[in-house]
Amino acid sequence: MTRVAIIGGSGLTALRNLEITRREVMRTPYGEPSAPLVHGRIGGQEAVFMPRHGHGHTIPPHAVNYRANIWALKEAGATHVIAVNAVGAIVGSLVPGSLAFPDQIIDYTYGREHTFFGNDQKPVTHTDFTFPYCEALRQVLIVTARESGLAAADQATYAATQGPRFETIAEINRLERDGAHIVGMTGMPEAALARELALCYASIAVIANPAAGRAEGVISLRQIEAALDAGMDQVRALLERAIPRLH
């Protein structure tokens, strides 16, 4: 049976259109998840929500316990995971407040616990990651966004950086040379951990701002917050229409 989990990022610490039925505190072999799981219904279907950065947005990207989060969702019965990620736009065709559904990812993070394997509990396992996102889930999101008239890019390569600081212009230029279209701080190891546990995982990337050097002057936090607010309204509407299709 399909059971959908939603991981909220910056700007989505609560899912207002989730009809909450209960909260569940999870314990995992990897420590505490970011927050208790919130169970409920969205679009008339069961779903579970977890805020990646905690309910008060207090956990920075590099300190998120990605292993505990993904393990907890799997233990709660999730089969599909929709991750919401706030990102910066490297290419000019992506504008603040719009959405993108990445199909590839490049990992520039370091020092994060990035696998369930290769320790005392589990032997080394090499996981295929050629296509890092679940294409079936991506297509449901893409088709639903298109039918809903939402501004969204069907493809993008996500550059996952360490954070919590933003990047320099030179770093963004490098990412563009590497083939990246968007940049964020939470895409990895989350996507790879979901693959290790055989979860169907896809991302809704919300364009919060132009990346460094891609706009005149310095982008203010107020501008970023305004773009996130607009983007998250689209995310909520998209989830309400897409989740029933998965069932």
Protein backbone atom coordinates (compact mmCIF):
# COMPACT_ATOMS: atom_id res chain seq x y z
CA MET A 1 0.00 0.00 0.00
CA THR A 2 1.27 3.46 -0.90
CA ARG A 3 1.99 5.68 2.10
CA VAL A 4 3.35 9.15 1.49
CA ALA A 5 5.76 11.06 3.73
CA ILE A 6 6.56 14.75 3.27
CA ILE A 7 9.82 16.27 4.51
CA GLY A 8 9.44 20.01 4.96
CA GLY A 9 12.41 22.32 4.49
CA SER A 10 12.99 26.01 5.08
CA GLY A 11 9.65 27.79 4.79
CA LEU A 12 7.65 24.61 5.40
CA THR A 13 7.98 23.74 9.09
CA ALA A 14 4.23 23.06 9.23
CA LEU A 15 1.80 21.77 6.63
CA ARG A 16 -1.33 23.87 7.07
CA ASN A 17 -3.53 21.76 4.81
CA LEU A 18 -2.67 18.56 6.69
CA GLU A 19 -5.62 17.38 8.78
CA ILE A 20 -3.66 16.16 11.82
CA THR A 21 -4.76 12.93 13.47
CA ARG A 22 -1.83 12.19 15.79
CA ARG A 23 1.83 12.82 16.55
CA GLU A 24 4.39 10.06 17.00
CA VAL A 25 7.73 10.23 18.79
CA MET A 26 10.19 7.88 17.08
CA ARG A 27 13.35 6.23 18.39
CA THR A 28 15.93 5.00 15.88
CA PRO A 29 19.31 3.20 16.01
CA TYR A 30 20.80 6.44 14.67
CA GLY A 31 19.54 8.85 17.32
CA GLU A 32 16.69 11.33 17.43
CA PRO A 33 14.89 12.48 14.28
CA SER A 34 14.42 16.20 13.73
CA ALA A 35 10.94 16.16 15.27
CA PRO A 36 8.03 13.88 16.10
CA LEU A 37 6.17 12.62 13.04
CA VAL A 38 2.87 14.34 12.33
CA HIS A 39 0.25 11.94 10.93
CA GLY A 40 -2.84 13.12 9.14
CA ARG A 41 -4.72 13.41 5.88
CA ILE A 42 -4.10 15.63 2.89
CA GLY A 43 -6.22 15.59 -0.21
CA GLY A 44 -8.32 12.97 1.53
CA GLN A 45 -5.38 10.58 1.81
CA GLU A 46 -3.16 9.52 4.69
CA ALA A 47 0.23 11.19 4.93
CA VAL A 48 2.98 11.78 7.45
CA PHE A 49 4.95 15.02 7.81
CA MET A 50 8.39 15.74 9.24
CA PRO A 51 10.04 19.19 9.44
CA ARG A 52 13.68 18.61 8.46
CA HIS A 53 15.00 21.49 10.57
CA GLY A 54 12.75 20.86 13.58
CA HIS A 55 9.47 22.56 14.40
CA GLY A 56 11.24 25.78 15.37
CA HIS A 57 13.69 25.65 12.44
CA THR A 58 16.63 25.30 14.83
CA ILE A 59 18.68 22.55 13.12
CA PRO A 60 21.14 23.80 10.46
CA PRO A 61 21.58 21.77 7.26
CA HIS A 62 24.90 20.17 8.23
CA ALA A 63 23.54 19.07 11.64
CA VAL A 64 20.32 17.40 10.45
CA ASN A 65 20.22 13.74 11.49
CA TYR A 66 19.35 12.52 8.00
CA ARG A 67 19.76 8.85 8.89
CA ALA A 68 17.35 9.07 11.83
CA ASN A 69 14.82 11.01 9.73
CA ILE A 70 14.77 8.56 6.84
CA TRP A 71 14.81 5.53 9.14
CA ALA A 72 11.87 6.92 11.13
CA LEU A 73 9.80 7.49 7.99
CA LYS A 74 10.51 3.95 6.79
CA GLU A 75 9.58 2.52 10.19
CA ALA A 76 6.35 4.54 10.13
CA GLY A 77 5.38 2.70 6.94
CA ALA A 78 6.28 5.29 4.30
CA THR A 79 6.80 3.96 0.79
CA HIS A 80 7.08 7.32 -0.99
CA VAL A 81 8.89 10.45 0.23
CA ILE A 82 8.35 13.92 -1.17
CA ALA A 83 11.11 16.24 0.00
CA VAL A 84 10.67 20.00 -0.12
CA ASN A 85 13.96 21.89 -0.56
CA ALA A 86 14.57 25.63 -0.64
CA VAL A 87 17.23 26.38 -3.27
CA GLY A 88 19.02 29.15 -5.08
CA ALA A 89 18.83 29.50 -8.86
CA ILE A 90 22.12 29.22 -10.74
CA VAL A 91 20.56 29.63 -14.20
CA GLY A 92 18.50 32.66 -15.11
CA SER A 93 15.49 30.74 -16.41
CA LEU A 94 14.52 29.82 -12.83
CA VAL A 95 12.87 32.68 -10.98
CA PRO A 96 12.20 33.14 -7.25
CA GLY A 97 8.88 31.67 -6.15
CA SER A 98 8.82 29.03 -8.90
CA LEU A 99 9.38 25.28 -8.52
CA ALA A 100 11.77 22.72 -10.00
CA PHE A 101 11.76 18.92 -9.94
CA PRO A 102 15.44 17.89 -9.98
CA ASP A 103 16.41 14.74 -11.84
CA GLN A 104 20.13 14.73 -10.98
CA ILE A 105 22.27 15.75 -8.00
CA ILE A 106 25.93 16.52 -7.29
CA ASP A 107 27.13 16.10 -3.71
CA TYR A 108 29.58 18.71 -2.39
CA THR A 109 28.84 18.04 1.29
CA TYR A 110 31.35 16.57 3.74
CA GLY A 111 31.43 15.13 7.23
CA ARG A 112 27.79 14.02 7.19
CA GLU A 113 26.73 10.50 8.12
CA HIS A 114 25.74 9.45 4.64
CA THR A 115 25.02 5.70 4.66
CA PHE A 116 23.31 2.97 6.65
CA PHE A 117 25.94 0.45 5.53
CA GLY A 118 29.57 -0.30 6.26
CA ASN A 119 29.40 -0.48 10.06
CA ASP A 120 28.98 -3.14 12.75
CA GLN A 121 25.31 -3.60 11.97
CA LYS A 122 25.41 -3.90 8.18
CA PRO A 123 28.01 -4.99 5.61
CA VAL A 124 29.26 -2.70 2.85
CA THR A 125 26.60 -2.36 0.16
CA HIS A 126 27.04 -0.43 -3.09
CA THR A 127 23.74 1.20 -4.01
CA ASP A 128 22.94 2.15 -7.59
CA PHE A 129 22.41 5.91 -7.75
CA THR A 130 22.53 6.51 -11.49
CA PHE A 131 19.14 8.16 -11.34
CA PRO A 132 18.95 9.59 -7.81
CA TYR A 133 15.24 10.42 -7.81
CA CYS A 134 12.25 8.13 -8.24
CA GLU A 135 11.09 8.83 -11.79
CA ALA A 136 7.55 7.56 -11.24
CA LEU A 137 7.05 9.99 -8.36
CA ARG A 138 8.74 12.82 -10.26
CA GLN A 139 6.33 12.34 -13.15
CA VAL A 140 3.29 12.50 -10.88
CA LEU A 141 4.55 15.82 -9.49
CA ILE A 142 5.43 17.17 -12.94
CA VAL A 143 2.10 16.27 -14.52
CA THR A 144 0.14 17.61 -11.54
CA ALA A 145 2.07 20.89 -11.57
CA ARG A 146 1.53 21.26 -15.31
CA GLU A 147 -2.20 20.61 -15.04
CA SER A 148 -2.41 23.06 -12.13
CA GLY A 149 -0.73 25.82 -14.13
CA LEU A 150 2.20 26.11 -11.72
CA ALA A 151 5.51 27.57 -12.87
CA ALA A 152 7.89 24.62 -12.62
CA ALA A 153 10.97 23.19 -14.34
CA ASP A 154 10.74 19.51 -15.26
CA GLN A 155 14.50 18.92 -14.98
CA ALA A 156 17.37 20.36 -12.97
CA THR A 157 20.67 19.26 -11.50
CA TYR A 158 20.81 20.01 -7.78
CA ALA A 159 24.17 20.99 -6.26
CA ALA A 160 24.16 19.99 -2.57
CA THR A 161 26.54 22.21 -0.59
CA GLN A 162 27.55 22.11 3.06
CA GLY A 163 26.09 25.34 4.42
CA PRO A 164 24.94 26.96 6.55
CA ARG A 165 26.61 29.91 4.82
CA PHE A 166 25.68 30.83 1.28
CA GLU A 167 28.18 30.36 -1.53
CA THR A 168 30.64 32.81 -3.08
CA ILE A 169 30.33 33.95 -6.69
CA ALA A 170 33.36 31.84 -7.60
CA GLU A 171 31.78 28.77 -6.02
CA ILE A 172 28.54 29.30 -7.94
CA ASN A 173 30.52 29.73 -11.16
CA ARG A 174 32.18 26.41 -10.46
CA LEU A 175 28.85 24.71 -9.81
CA GLU A 176 27.53 26.04 -13.11
CA ARG A 177 30.59 24.72 -14.94
CA ASP A 178 29.90 21.36 -13.29
CA GLY A 179 26.42 21.38 -14.82
CA ALA A 180 24.29 22.39 -11.82
CA HIS A 181 21.14 24.48 -12.23
CA ILE A 182 20.09 24.91 -8.58
CA VAL A 183 21.97 24.94 -5.28
CA GLY A 184 20.80 23.90 -1.82
CA MET A 185 22.11 22.50 1.45
CA THR A 186 19.81 19.57 2.27
CA GLY A 187 19.59 17.39 -0.83
CA MET A 188 22.30 15.01 0.32
CA PRO A 189 22.68 12.56 1.95
CA GLU A 190 18.90 12.49 2.25
CA ALA A 191 18.27 11.26 -1.31
CA ALA A 192 20.91 8.53 -1.09
CA LEU A 193 19.68 7.29 2.29
CA ALA A 194 16.16 7.01 0.91
CA ARG A 195 17.52 4.92 -1.96
CA GLU A 196 19.36 2.63 0.49
CA LEU A 197 16.04 1.91 2.22
CA ALA A 198 14.24 1.41 -1.12
CA LEU A 199 11.99 4.44 -0.67
CA CYS A 200 10.57 6.15 -3.75
CA TYR A 201 12.00 9.65 -3.22
CA ALA A 202 11.58 12.88 -5.17
CA SER A 203 12.14 16.56 -4.49
CA ILE A 204 10.09 19.70 -4.95
CA ALA A 205 12.71 22.44 -5.09
CA VAL A 206 11.42 25.93 -4.30
CA ILE A 207 13.46 28.72 -5.86
CA ALA A 208 14.09 31.16 -3.02
CA ASN A 209 16.63 33.48 -4.63
CA PRO A 210 19.16 33.90 -7.42
CA ALA A 211 22.48 32.33 -6.39
CA ALA A 212 25.52 34.50 -5.64
CA GLY A 213 26.47 36.69 -8.59
CA ARG A 214 23.25 35.95 -10.46
CA ALA A 215 21.47 39.14 -9.43
CA GLU A 216 22.44 42.76 -8.99
CA GLY A 217 23.44 43.56 -5.44
CA VAL A 218 22.87 41.44 -2.35
CA ILE A 219 19.64 39.49 -1.94
CA SER A 220 17.94 40.41 1.34
CA LEU A 221 16.47 37.87 3.72
CA ARG A 222 13.14 39.67 3.31
CA GLN A 223 13.21 38.97 -0.43
CA ILE A 224 14.06 35.32 0.21
CA GLU A 225 11.23 34.96 2.71
CA ALA A 226 8.74 36.53 0.29
CA ALA A 227 9.79 34.12 -2.48
CA LEU A 228 9.58 31.16 -0.11
CA ASP A 229 6.10 32.17 1.00
CA ALA A 230 4.92 32.29 -2.61
CA GLY A 231 6.65 29.03 -3.46
CA MET A 232 5.33 27.16 -0.43
CA ASP A 233 1.77 28.18 -1.28
CA GLN A 234 2.32 26.41 -4.61
CA VAL A 235 3.82 23.40 -2.81
CA ARG A 236 0.78 23.01 -0.57
CA ALA A 237 -1.56 23.19 -3.53
CA LEU A 238 0.57 20.72 -5.48
CA LEU A 239 0.68 18.20 -2.63
CA GLU A 240 -3.08 18.34 -2.17
CA ARG A 241 -3.60 17.39 -5.83
CA ALA A 242 -0.66 14.99 -6.27
CA ILE A 243 -0.95 12.77 -3.19
CA PRO A 244 -4.37 11.31 -4.10
CA ARG A 245 -2.87 10.24 -7.45
CA LEU A 246 -0.23 8.19 -5.67
CA HIS A 247 -2.95 6.21 -3.91
